[in-house]
Amino acid sequence: MGGFEVLVPIFGISLFLVPIVGVTTILTLRYGLKPFMESLVKELREAGFAPDVGPRVQIQDLTDQIDLLAVEVRRLREGRDFDQRLLSDQSTPGGSPDSVS
């Protein structure tokens, strides 16, 4: 029975120490390590060490840029057509905004 008498205080102490160590570890990781890792990632991104994005993300970015370019080209064409209509109305004799052909 001598072995059990030694184990009872050890188990009693560990009953309180294990949760305390667990909570301490979780809080340390949450409030200590996470902000450190976030700032490290931010600094690495700013230094040019951005993570390699996959080809799908690159293709999606290119597709979005092409769509934006298409919208801009359409607006430029509409502006050009409007300018040409204004100039053609002014160059015709008797061309007034009220006379529509």
C-alpha atoms as a PDB file:
ATOM      1  CA  MET A   1       0.000   0.000   0.000  1.00  0.00           C
ATOM      2  CA  GLY A   2       3.021   2.304   0.260  1.00  0.00           C
ATOM      3  CA  GLY A   3       2.924   3.031  -3.474  1.00  0.00           C
ATOM      4  CA  PHE A   4      -0.630   4.351  -3.453  1.00  0.00           C
ATOM      5  CA  GLU A   5       0.082   6.750  -0.596  1.00  0.00           C
ATOM      6  CA  VAL A   6       2.732   8.462  -2.715  1.00  0.00           C
ATOM      7  CA  LEU A   7       0.559   8.622  -5.822  1.00  0.00           C
ATOM      8  CA  VAL A   8      -2.443  10.301  -4.164  1.00  0.00           C
ATOM      9  CA  PRO A   9      -0.679  13.676  -3.598  1.00  0.00           C
ATOM     10  CA  ILE A  10       0.855  13.528  -7.102  1.00  0.00           C
ATOM     11  CA  PHE A  11      -2.546  12.931  -8.717  1.00  0.00           C
ATOM     12  CA  GLY A  12      -4.099  15.595  -6.485  1.00  0.00           C
ATOM     13  CA  ILE A  13      -1.525  18.171  -7.527  1.00  0.00           C
ATOM     14  CA  SER A  14      -1.736  17.189 -11.206  1.00  0.00           C
ATOM     15  CA  LEU A  15      -5.522  17.500 -11.020  1.00  0.00           C
ATOM     16  CA  PHE A  16      -5.018  21.255 -10.588  1.00  0.00           C
ATOM     17  CA  LEU A  17      -1.778  21.743 -12.519  1.00  0.00           C
ATOM     18  CA  VAL A  18      -2.849  20.152 -15.823  1.00  0.00           C
ATOM     19  CA  PRO A  19      -5.755  22.582 -16.433  1.00  0.00           C
ATOM     20  CA  ILE A  20      -3.622  25.525 -15.314  1.00  0.00           C
ATOM     21  CA  VAL A  21      -0.821  24.529 -17.694  1.00  0.00           C
ATOM     22  CA  GLY A  22      -3.386  24.013 -20.483  1.00  0.00           C
ATOM     23  CA  VAL A  23      -5.020  27.405 -19.989  1.00  0.00           C
ATOM     24  CA  THR A  24      -1.617  29.084 -19.740  1.00  0.00           C
ATOM     25  CA  THR A  25      -0.502  27.448 -22.982  1.00  0.00           C
ATOM     26  CA  ILE A  26      -3.685  28.440 -24.809  1.00  0.00           C
ATOM     27  CA  LEU A  27      -3.492  32.033 -23.609  1.00  0.00           C
ATOM     28  CA  THR A  28       0.184  32.258 -24.506  1.00  0.00           C
ATOM     29  CA  LEU A  29      -0.453  30.993 -28.009  1.00  0.00           C
ATOM     30  CA  ARG A  30      -3.525  33.169 -28.507  1.00  0.00           C
ATOM     31  CA  TYR A  31      -2.239  36.446 -27.130  1.00  0.00           C
ATOM     32  CA  GLY A  32       1.482  35.980 -27.611  1.00  0.00           C
ATOM     33  CA  LEU A  33       2.222  33.864 -30.636  1.00  0.00           C
ATOM     34  CA  LYS A  34      -0.674  34.832 -32.906  1.00  0.00           C
ATOM     35  CA  PRO A  35       0.083  38.590 -32.995  1.00  0.00           C
ATOM     36  CA  PHE A  36       3.754  37.779 -33.501  1.00  0.00           C
ATOM     37  CA  MET A  37       2.971  35.530 -36.465  1.00  0.00           C
ATOM     38  CA  GLU A  38       0.568  38.096 -37.961  1.00  0.00           C
ATOM     39  CA  SER A  39       3.186  40.841 -37.767  1.00  0.00           C
ATOM     40  CA  LEU A  40       5.821  38.511 -39.193  1.00  0.00           C
ATOM     41  CA  VAL A  41       3.582  37.626 -42.153  1.00  0.00           C
ATOM     42  CA  LYS A  42       2.800  41.315 -42.710  1.00  0.00           C
ATOM     43  CA  GLU A  43       6.481  42.233 -42.755  1.00  0.00           C
ATOM     44  CA  LEU A  44       7.327  39.401 -45.119  1.00  0.00           C
ATOM     45  CA  ARG A  45       4.556  40.451 -47.516  1.00  0.00           C
ATOM     46  CA  GLU A  46       5.744  44.044 -47.478  1.00  0.00           C
ATOM     47  CA  ALA A  47       9.306  42.873 -48.128  1.00  0.00           C
ATOM     48  CA  GLY A  48       8.194  41.010 -51.238  1.00  0.00           C
ATOM     49  CA  PHE A  49       8.030  37.500 -49.867  1.00  0.00           C
ATOM     50  CA  ALA A  50       4.357  37.051 -50.724  1.00  0.00           C
ATOM     51  CA  PRO A  51       3.068  33.505 -50.779  1.00  0.00           C
ATOM     52  CA  ASP A  52       2.857  31.898 -54.186  1.00  0.00           C
ATOM     53  CA  VAL A  53      -0.729  32.109 -55.337  1.00  0.00           C
ATOM     54  CA  GLY A  54      -2.147  29.302 -57.377  1.00  0.00           C
ATOM     55  CA  PRO A  55      -2.775  29.508 -61.102  1.00  0.00           C
ATOM     56  CA  ARG A  56      -6.533  29.669 -60.559  1.00  0.00           C
ATOM     57  CA  VAL A  57      -6.186  32.848 -58.533  1.00  0.00           C
ATOM     58  CA  GLN A  58      -3.883  34.341 -61.164  1.00  0.00           C
ATOM     59  CA  ILE A  59      -6.298  33.428 -63.948  1.00  0.00           C
ATOM     60  CA  GLN A  60      -9.197  34.946 -62.005  1.00  0.00           C
ATOM     61  CA  ASP A  61      -7.218  38.160 -61.464  1.00  0.00           C
ATOM     62  CA  LEU A  62      -6.408  38.356 -65.172  1.00  0.00           C
ATOM     63  CA  THR A  63     -10.045  37.710 -66.082  1.00  0.00           C
ATOM     64  CA  ASP A  64     -11.166  40.504 -63.766  1.00  0.00           C
ATOM     65  CA  GLN A  65      -8.638  42.891 -65.314  1.00  0.00           C
ATOM     66  CA  ILE A  66      -9.792  41.987 -68.828  1.00  0.00           C
ATOM     67  CA  ASP A  67     -13.414  42.611 -67.842  1.00  0.00           C
ATOM     68  CA  LEU A  68     -12.473  46.028 -66.470  1.00  0.00           C
ATOM     69  CA  LEU A  69     -10.569  46.844 -69.656  1.00  0.00           C
ATOM     70  CA  ALA A  70     -13.563  45.835 -71.769  1.00  0.00           C
ATOM     71  CA  VAL A  71     -15.800  48.194 -69.793  1.00  0.00           C
ATOM     72  CA  GLU A  72     -13.317  51.035 -70.208  1.00  0.00           C
ATOM     73  CA  VAL A  73     -12.991  50.427 -73.961  1.00  0.00           C
ATOM     74  CA  ARG A  74     -16.788  50.422 -74.284  1.00  0.00           C
ATOM     75  CA  ARG A  75     -16.979  53.762 -72.455  1.00  0.00           C
ATOM     76  CA  LEU A  76     -14.253  55.222 -74.645  1.00  0.00           C
ATOM     77  CA  ARG A  77     -16.095  54.109 -77.786  1.00  0.00           C
ATOM     78  CA  GLU A  78     -19.351  55.619 -76.517  1.00  0.00           C
ATOM     79  CA  GLY A  79     -17.536  58.889 -75.812  1.00  0.00           C
ATOM     80  CA  ARG A  80     -15.908  58.855 -79.240  1.00  0.00           C
ATOM     81  CA  ASP A  81     -19.243  58.157 -80.947  1.00  0.00           C
ATOM     82  CA  PHE A  82     -20.887  60.970 -78.989  1.00  0.00           C
ATOM     83  CA  ASP A  83     -18.107  63.393 -79.976  1.00  0.00           C
ATOM     84  CA  GLN A  84     -18.407  62.357 -83.629  1.00  0.00           C
ATOM     85  CA  ARG A  85     -22.176  62.924 -83.572  1.00  0.00           C
ATOM     86  CA  LEU A  86     -21.695  66.362 -82.057  1.00  0.00           C
ATOM     87  CA  LEU A  87     -19.061  67.269 -84.639  1.00  0.00           C
ATOM     88  CA  SER A  88     -21.139  65.972 -87.534  1.00  0.00           C
ATOM     89  CA  ASP A  89     -24.177  67.968 -86.341  1.00  0.00           C
ATOM     90  CA  GLN A  90     -22.083  71.132 -86.178  1.00  0.00           C
ATOM     91  CA  SER A  91     -20.459  70.619 -89.578  1.00  0.00           C
ATOM     92  CA  THR A  92     -23.742  70.163 -91.507  1.00  0.00           C
ATOM     93  CA  PRO A  93     -25.300  73.423 -92.671  1.00  0.00           C
ATOM     94  CA  GLY A  94     -28.382  74.216 -90.702  1.00  0.00           C
ATOM     95  CA  GLY A  95     -27.627  71.339 -88.382  1.00  0.00           C
ATOM     96  CA  SER A  96     -29.293  72.097 -85.133  1.00  0.00           C
ATOM     97  CA  PRO A  97     -29.863  69.817 -82.186  1.00  0.00           C
ATOM     98  CA  ASP A  98     -33.606  69.889 -82.981  1.00  0.00           C
ATOM     99  CA  SER A  99     -33.230  68.497 -86.505  1.00  0.00           C
ATOM    100  CA  VAL A 100     -32.954  64.742 -86.242  1.00  0.00           C
ATOM    101  CA  SER A 101     -32.414  62.764 -89.431  1.00  0.00           C
END
